[in-house]
Amino acid sequence: MAHINQEIPREQWASYLAGISKQSATQWVRVESIDADTGDQPLADRLPLVDISLETKGSDSGAVQIIVGREDERITHRILEPDLLVAELDSQSGALECLEIGERGGKTLIFFERPSEVDEVSARF
C-alpha cells in the first residue's frame, strides 16, 4: 500500500487538527511517543480519539494536546514544543493513516483506524 507524506504548514495546524477532531467519532487511534533517550513508548492502543488541538492562548500557546479514551477513562498527551506536523495519507483513498508531530529530540505518532462493528458495540457498554 503506497502512502503520501504531506507536511502541514505551521499556520494551518489549528484548522487541520480541528478538522481531525470533527471526524473523531469514527476515528480510533494508537499513540506512540518516540524519544532519543527513552525509545519507543506506547501511550494508547486502539482507543477513540476525543480531541486533538493546538493551544492558541496562554502560557501553553503552540502546544498540541491529544485526548483519547472513553468517558470513564481518558488519556491526555501534550506536546509542548512541536516543530513539525506531517500527515501520512493513503495514496488511493486520501485517508489519514498516521499523523507525526515532531518535537526536539523526538516525535509522537498517531495511527488512525476505523473501529469494527464489534468495537463500536463494546465501546457503548
N, C-alpha and C. Protein backbone atom coordinates (compact mmCIF):
# COMPACT_ATOMS: atom_id res chain seq x y z
N MET A 1 0.85 -1.18 0.00
CA MET A 1 0.00 0.00 0.00
C MET A 1 0.89 1.24 0.00
N ALA A 2 0.68 2.11 -0.94
CA ALA A 2 1.50 3.32 -1.06
C ALA A 2 0.94 4.45 -0.21
N HIS A 3 1.86 5.32 0.23
CA HIS A 3 1.48 6.44 1.08
C HIS A 3 2.02 7.74 0.51
N ILE A 4 1.39 8.82 0.90
CA ILE A 4 1.84 10.16 0.55
C ILE A 4 2.08 10.90 1.86
N ASN A 5 3.27 11.44 2.03
CA ASN A 5 3.56 12.25 3.21
C ASN A 5 3.36 13.72 2.86
N GLN A 6 2.57 14.39 3.66
CA GLN A 6 2.25 15.79 3.41
C GLN A 6 2.56 16.61 4.66
N GLU A 7 3.55 17.50 4.56
CA GLU A 7 3.86 18.37 5.68
C GLU A 7 2.83 19.49 5.74
N ILE A 8 2.29 19.71 6.94
CA ILE A 8 1.27 20.74 7.13
C ILE A 8 1.98 22.02 7.58
N PRO A 9 1.81 23.14 6.85
CA PRO A 9 2.44 24.39 7.26
C PRO A 9 1.93 24.84 8.63
N ARG A 10 2.82 25.40 9.44
CA ARG A 10 2.50 25.79 10.81
C ARG A 10 1.24 26.66 10.91
N GLU A 11 1.05 27.57 9.97
CA GLU A 11 -0.11 28.46 10.04
C GLU A 11 -1.43 27.72 9.82
N GLN A 12 -1.37 26.46 9.36
CA GLN A 12 -2.59 25.66 9.14
C GLN A 12 -2.81 24.61 10.23
N TRP A 13 -1.91 24.52 11.20
CA TRP A 13 -2.01 23.47 12.22
C TRP A 13 -3.35 23.50 12.95
N ALA A 14 -3.77 24.65 13.45
CA ALA A 14 -5.00 24.73 14.25
C ALA A 14 -6.21 24.23 13.45
N SER A 15 -6.36 24.69 12.22
CA SER A 15 -7.52 24.29 11.42
C SER A 15 -7.41 22.82 11.00
N TYR A 16 -6.21 22.35 10.70
CA TYR A 16 -6.04 20.94 10.31
C TYR A 16 -6.41 20.02 11.47
N LEU A 17 -5.91 20.32 12.66
CA LEU A 17 -6.21 19.49 13.83
C LEU A 17 -7.69 19.56 14.19
N ALA A 18 -8.29 20.73 14.05
CA ALA A 18 -9.73 20.88 14.31
C ALA A 18 -10.53 20.00 13.35
N GLY A 19 -10.10 19.91 12.12
CA GLY A 19 -10.77 19.06 11.14
C GLY A 19 -10.70 17.59 11.51
N ILE A 20 -9.56 17.16 12.05
CA ILE A 20 -9.43 15.78 12.51
C ILE A 20 -10.38 15.53 13.68
N SER A 21 -10.46 16.47 14.60
CA SER A 21 -11.33 16.32 15.77
C SER A 21 -12.80 16.20 15.38
N LYS A 22 -13.21 16.90 14.33
CA LYS A 22 -14.60 16.82 13.88
C LYS A 22 -14.96 15.42 13.42
N GLN A 23 -13.97 14.67 12.94
CA GLN A 23 -14.20 13.30 12.48
C GLN A 23 -13.95 12.29 13.59
N SER A 24 -13.71 12.76 14.80
CA SER A 24 -13.23 11.89 15.88
C SER A 24 -14.18 10.76 16.24
N ALA A 25 -15.47 10.89 16.00
CA ALA A 25 -16.41 9.84 16.37
C ALA A 25 -16.14 8.55 15.61
N THR A 26 -15.54 8.65 14.43
CA THR A 26 -15.27 7.45 13.64
C THR A 26 -13.79 7.10 13.63
N GLN A 27 -12.98 7.77 14.43
CA GLN A 27 -11.55 7.53 14.44
C GLN A 27 -11.11 6.86 15.74
N TRP A 28 -10.40 5.77 15.60
CA TRP A 28 -9.75 5.15 16.74
C TRP A 28 -8.26 5.29 16.48
N VAL A 29 -7.50 5.41 17.54
CA VAL A 29 -6.08 5.69 17.36
C VAL A 29 -5.19 4.82 18.24
N ARG A 30 -3.97 4.73 17.80
CA ARG A 30 -2.86 4.18 18.59
C ARG A 30 -1.84 5.31 18.66
N VAL A 31 -1.39 5.65 19.86
CA VAL A 31 -0.46 6.77 20.04
C VAL A 31 0.86 6.24 20.58
N GLU A 32 1.95 6.65 19.94
CA GLU A 32 3.29 6.26 20.36
C GLU A 32 4.16 7.50 20.47
N SER A 33 5.02 7.51 21.46
CA SER A 33 6.00 8.58 21.62
C SER A 33 7.38 7.98 21.38
N ILE A 34 8.14 8.62 20.53
CA ILE A 34 9.49 8.14 20.22
C ILE A 34 10.47 9.22 20.62
N ASP A 35 11.37 8.86 21.52
CA ASP A 35 12.32 9.81 22.07
C ASP A 35 13.72 9.21 21.98
N ALA A 36 14.69 10.05 21.67
CA ALA A 36 16.07 9.57 21.54
C ALA A 36 16.57 8.96 22.85
N ASP A 37 16.12 9.47 23.99
CA ASP A 37 16.58 8.97 25.29
C ASP A 37 15.84 7.73 25.76
N THR A 38 14.52 7.73 25.61
CA THR A 38 13.72 6.63 26.16
C THR A 38 13.25 5.61 25.13
N GLY A 39 13.43 5.89 23.85
CA GLY A 39 13.00 4.96 22.80
C GLY A 39 11.52 5.07 22.50
N ASP A 40 10.95 3.97 22.01
CA ASP A 40 9.55 3.91 21.58
C ASP A 40 8.67 3.59 22.79
N GLN A 41 7.73 4.49 23.11
CA GLN A 41 6.83 4.31 24.25
C GLN A 41 5.38 4.31 23.78
N PRO A 42 4.66 3.17 23.88
CA PRO A 42 3.24 3.19 23.56
C PRO A 42 2.47 3.97 24.61
N LEU A 43 1.60 4.88 24.19
CA LEU A 43 0.81 5.70 25.11
C LEU A 43 -0.66 5.29 25.13
N ALA A 44 -1.18 4.84 24.00
CA ALA A 44 -2.58 4.41 23.91
C ALA A 44 -2.70 3.44 22.75
N ASP A 45 -3.58 2.44 22.91
CA ASP A 45 -3.75 1.44 21.87
C ASP A 45 -5.23 1.23 21.58
N ARG A 46 -5.64 1.53 20.36
CA ARG A 46 -6.99 1.32 19.86
C ARG A 46 -8.06 1.94 20.76
N LEU A 47 -7.94 3.24 20.96
CA LEU A 47 -8.92 3.99 21.73
C LEU A 47 -9.56 5.06 20.86
N PRO A 48 -10.79 5.44 21.16
CA PRO A 48 -11.43 6.51 20.39
C PRO A 48 -10.70 7.84 20.59
N LEU A 49 -10.56 8.58 19.50
CA LEU A 49 -9.99 9.93 19.59
C LEU A 49 -11.07 10.86 20.09
N VAL A 50 -10.81 11.56 21.19
CA VAL A 50 -11.75 12.52 21.76
C VAL A 50 -11.50 13.90 21.17
N ASP A 51 -10.22 14.32 21.16
CA ASP A 51 -9.88 15.65 20.68
C ASP A 51 -8.39 15.72 20.38
N ILE A 52 -8.07 16.50 19.38
CA ILE A 52 -6.68 16.87 19.10
C ILE A 52 -6.70 18.33 18.70
N SER A 53 -5.90 19.14 19.39
CA SER A 53 -5.99 20.58 19.14
C SER A 53 -4.65 21.27 19.40
N LEU A 54 -4.54 22.46 18.85
CA LEU A 54 -3.40 23.33 19.06
C LEU A 54 -3.82 24.42 20.03
N GLU A 55 -3.07 24.53 21.12
CA GLU A 55 -3.35 25.60 22.11
C GLU A 55 -2.92 26.92 21.49
N THR A 56 -3.83 27.89 21.46
CA THR A 56 -3.52 29.16 20.80
C THR A 56 -3.37 30.32 21.78
N LYS A 57 -3.66 30.08 23.06
CA LYS A 57 -3.60 31.17 24.04
C LYS A 57 -2.86 30.73 25.29
N GLY A 58 -2.42 31.69 26.07
CA GLY A 58 -1.83 31.41 27.37
C GLY A 58 -0.40 30.92 27.31
N SER A 59 0.07 30.43 28.45
CA SER A 59 1.47 30.01 28.55
C SER A 59 1.77 28.75 27.76
N ASP A 60 0.73 27.96 27.41
CA ASP A 60 0.92 26.75 26.62
C ASP A 60 0.69 26.98 25.13
N SER A 61 0.65 28.24 24.72
CA SER A 61 0.42 28.55 23.32
C SER A 61 1.43 27.82 22.44
N GLY A 62 0.92 27.16 21.41
CA GLY A 62 1.77 26.41 20.49
C GLY A 62 1.83 24.93 20.81
N ALA A 63 1.36 24.51 21.98
CA ALA A 63 1.37 23.09 22.36
C ALA A 63 0.23 22.35 21.65
N VAL A 64 0.45 21.07 21.36
CA VAL A 64 -0.58 20.22 20.79
C VAL A 64 -1.06 19.28 21.89
N GLN A 65 -2.38 19.18 22.04
CA GLN A 65 -2.97 18.30 23.05
C GLN A 65 -3.78 17.22 22.35
N ILE A 66 -3.55 15.97 22.77
CA ILE A 66 -4.26 14.82 22.23
C ILE A 66 -5.00 14.17 23.39
N ILE A 67 -6.31 13.96 23.24
CA ILE A 67 -7.11 13.28 24.26
C ILE A 67 -7.76 12.06 23.61
N VAL A 68 -7.54 10.88 24.21
CA VAL A 68 -8.12 9.64 23.71
C VAL A 68 -8.79 8.91 24.86
N GLY A 69 -9.68 7.98 24.52
CA GLY A 69 -10.30 7.13 25.54
C GLY A 69 -11.80 7.21 25.54
N ARG A 70 -12.36 6.59 26.57
CA ARG A 70 -13.80 6.59 26.78
C ARG A 70 -14.12 7.54 27.93
N GLU A 71 -15.40 7.78 28.16
CA GLU A 71 -15.79 8.76 29.17
C GLU A 71 -15.23 8.45 30.55
N ASP A 72 -15.16 7.18 30.92
CA ASP A 72 -14.71 6.81 32.25
C ASP A 72 -13.19 6.74 32.39
N GLU A 73 -12.49 6.77 31.27
CA GLU A 73 -11.03 6.67 31.32
C GLU A 73 -10.43 7.37 30.09
N ARG A 74 -9.85 8.53 30.33
CA ARG A 74 -9.26 9.30 29.24
C ARG A 74 -7.78 9.50 29.48
N ILE A 75 -7.04 9.56 28.39
CA ILE A 75 -5.60 9.79 28.43
C ILE A 75 -5.33 11.08 27.67
N THR A 76 -4.57 11.97 28.29
CA THR A 76 -4.18 13.23 27.64
C THR A 76 -2.67 13.23 27.45
N HIS A 77 -2.25 13.54 26.25
CA HIS A 77 -0.82 13.66 25.94
C HIS A 77 -0.59 15.05 25.35
N ARG A 78 0.40 15.75 25.87
CA ARG A 78 0.71 17.10 25.39
C ARG A 78 2.11 17.13 24.78
N ILE A 79 2.21 17.79 23.66
CA ILE A 79 3.49 18.04 23.01
C ILE A 79 3.71 19.54 23.17
N LEU A 80 4.64 19.90 24.04
CA LEU A 80 4.78 21.29 24.44
C LEU A 80 5.43 22.19 23.39
N GLU A 81 6.40 21.66 22.65
CA GLU A 81 7.10 22.48 21.66
C GLU A 81 7.16 21.77 20.30
N PRO A 82 6.02 21.56 19.67
CA PRO A 82 6.03 20.88 18.37
C PRO A 82 6.73 21.74 17.31
N ASP A 83 7.45 21.06 16.41
CA ASP A 83 8.12 21.80 15.35
C ASP A 83 7.83 21.23 13.95
N LEU A 84 7.01 20.18 13.89
CA LEU A 84 6.72 19.54 12.61
C LEU A 84 5.39 18.81 12.71
N LEU A 85 4.58 18.91 11.65
CA LEU A 85 3.33 18.17 11.57
C LEU A 85 3.27 17.57 10.16
N VAL A 86 3.30 16.23 10.11
CA VAL A 86 3.29 15.53 8.83
C VAL A 86 2.15 14.52 8.82
N ALA A 87 1.31 14.58 7.79
CA ALA A 87 0.21 13.64 7.62
C ALA A 87 0.64 12.57 6.62
N GLU A 88 0.45 11.32 6.99
CA GLU A 88 0.69 10.20 6.08
C GLU A 88 -0.68 9.75 5.57
N LEU A 89 -0.88 9.91 4.27
CA LEU A 89 -2.17 9.63 3.65
C LEU A 89 -2.09 8.40 2.77
N ASP A 90 -3.17 7.64 2.70
CA ASP A 90 -3.26 6.51 1.77
C ASP A 90 -3.33 7.10 0.37
N SER A 91 -2.47 6.63 -0.52
CA SER A 91 -2.39 7.22 -1.86
C SER A 91 -3.65 6.95 -2.69
N GLN A 92 -4.39 5.89 -2.38
CA GLN A 92 -5.61 5.57 -3.14
C GLN A 92 -6.81 6.37 -2.64
N SER A 93 -7.05 6.34 -1.33
CA SER A 93 -8.28 6.94 -0.79
C SER A 93 -8.07 8.35 -0.24
N GLY A 94 -6.81 8.71 0.04
CA GLY A 94 -6.54 10.01 0.65
C GLY A 94 -6.81 10.02 2.14
N ALA A 95 -7.17 8.86 2.72
CA ALA A 95 -7.48 8.78 4.14
C ALA A 95 -6.22 8.97 4.99
N LEU A 96 -6.38 9.67 6.10
CA LEU A 96 -5.29 9.88 7.04
C LEU A 96 -4.99 8.58 7.76
N GLU A 97 -3.75 8.11 7.66
CA GLU A 97 -3.36 6.88 8.32
C GLU A 97 -2.47 7.13 9.53
N CYS A 98 -1.65 8.17 9.47
CA CYS A 98 -0.75 8.47 10.58
C CYS A 98 -0.46 9.97 10.60
N LEU A 99 -0.38 10.51 11.79
CA LEU A 99 0.00 11.90 11.97
C LEU A 99 1.26 11.92 12.82
N GLU A 100 2.31 12.52 12.28
CA GLU A 100 3.57 12.65 13.00
C GLU A 100 3.70 14.07 13.51
N ILE A 101 3.91 14.20 14.82
CA ILE A 101 4.11 15.51 15.43
C ILE A 101 5.53 15.51 15.97
N GLY A 102 6.40 16.24 15.30
CA GLY A 102 7.80 16.27 15.70
C GLY A 102 8.04 17.31 16.77
N GLU A 103 9.00 17.00 17.63
CA GLU A 103 9.45 17.95 18.63
C GLU A 103 10.92 17.66 18.89
N ARG A 104 11.59 18.62 19.46
CA ARG A 104 13.01 18.49 19.71
C ARG A 104 13.32 17.17 20.42
N GLY A 105 14.17 16.35 19.79
CA GLY A 105 14.60 15.10 20.39
C GLY A 105 13.64 13.93 20.22
N GLY A 106 12.53 14.12 19.52
CA GLY A 106 11.61 13.00 19.35
C GLY A 106 10.40 13.34 18.53
N LYS A 107 9.40 12.47 18.62
CA LYS A 107 8.15 12.70 17.89
C LYS A 107 7.06 11.85 18.49
N THR A 108 5.83 12.25 18.23
CA THR A 108 4.65 11.48 18.61
C THR A 108 3.98 11.04 17.32
N LEU A 109 3.61 9.76 17.26
CA LEU A 109 2.92 9.21 16.11
C LEU A 109 1.51 8.84 16.52
N ILE A 110 0.54 9.24 15.72
CA ILE A 110 -0.86 8.90 15.96
C ILE A 110 -1.33 8.10 14.74
N PHE A 111 -1.62 6.83 14.95
CA PHE A 111 -2.08 5.95 13.88
C PHE A 111 -3.60 5.88 13.93
N PHE A 112 -4.26 6.11 12.79
CA PHE A 112 -5.72 6.17 12.71
C PHE A 112 -6.27 4.90 12.09
N GLU A 113 -7.40 4.45 12.64
CA GLU A 113 -8.12 3.32 12.06
C GLU A 113 -9.59 3.48 12.35
N ARG A 114 -10.39 2.83 11.54
CA ARG A 114 -11.83 2.85 11.77
C ARG A 114 -12.16 1.65 12.65
N PRO A 115 -13.02 1.83 13.66
CA PRO A 115 -13.38 0.69 14.51
C PRO A 115 -14.26 -0.29 13.76
N SER A 116 -14.15 -1.56 14.12
CA SER A 116 -15.05 -2.56 13.54
C SER A 116 -16.39 -2.46 14.25
N GLU A 117 -17.41 -3.14 13.73
CA GLU A 117 -18.72 -3.11 14.38
C GLU A 117 -18.64 -3.67 15.79
N VAL A 118 -17.84 -4.70 16.01
CA VAL A 118 -17.68 -5.28 17.34
C VAL A 118 -17.12 -4.25 18.29
N ASP A 119 -16.09 -3.49 17.86
CA ASP A 119 -15.50 -2.44 18.70
C ASP A 119 -16.53 -1.38 19.04
N GLU A 120 -17.34 -0.98 18.06
CA GLU A 120 -18.32 0.07 18.29
C GLU A 120 -19.36 -0.37 19.32
N VAL A 121 -19.80 -1.62 19.24
CA VAL A 121 -20.79 -2.12 20.19
C VAL A 121 -20.18 -2.18 21.58
N SER A 122 -18.97 -2.71 21.72
CA SER A 122 -18.35 -2.84 23.05
C SER A 122 -18.03 -1.48 23.65
N ALA A 123 -17.78 -0.47 22.83
CA ALA A 123 -17.47 0.86 23.33
C ALA A 123 -18.69 1.52 23.97
N ARG A 124 -19.89 1.11 23.58
CA ARG A 124 -21.11 1.69 24.12
C ARG A 124 -21.44 1.15 25.51
N PHE A 125 -20.86 0.00 25.87
CA PHE A 125 -21.18 -0.63 27.15
C PHE A 125 -20.09 -0.49 28.16
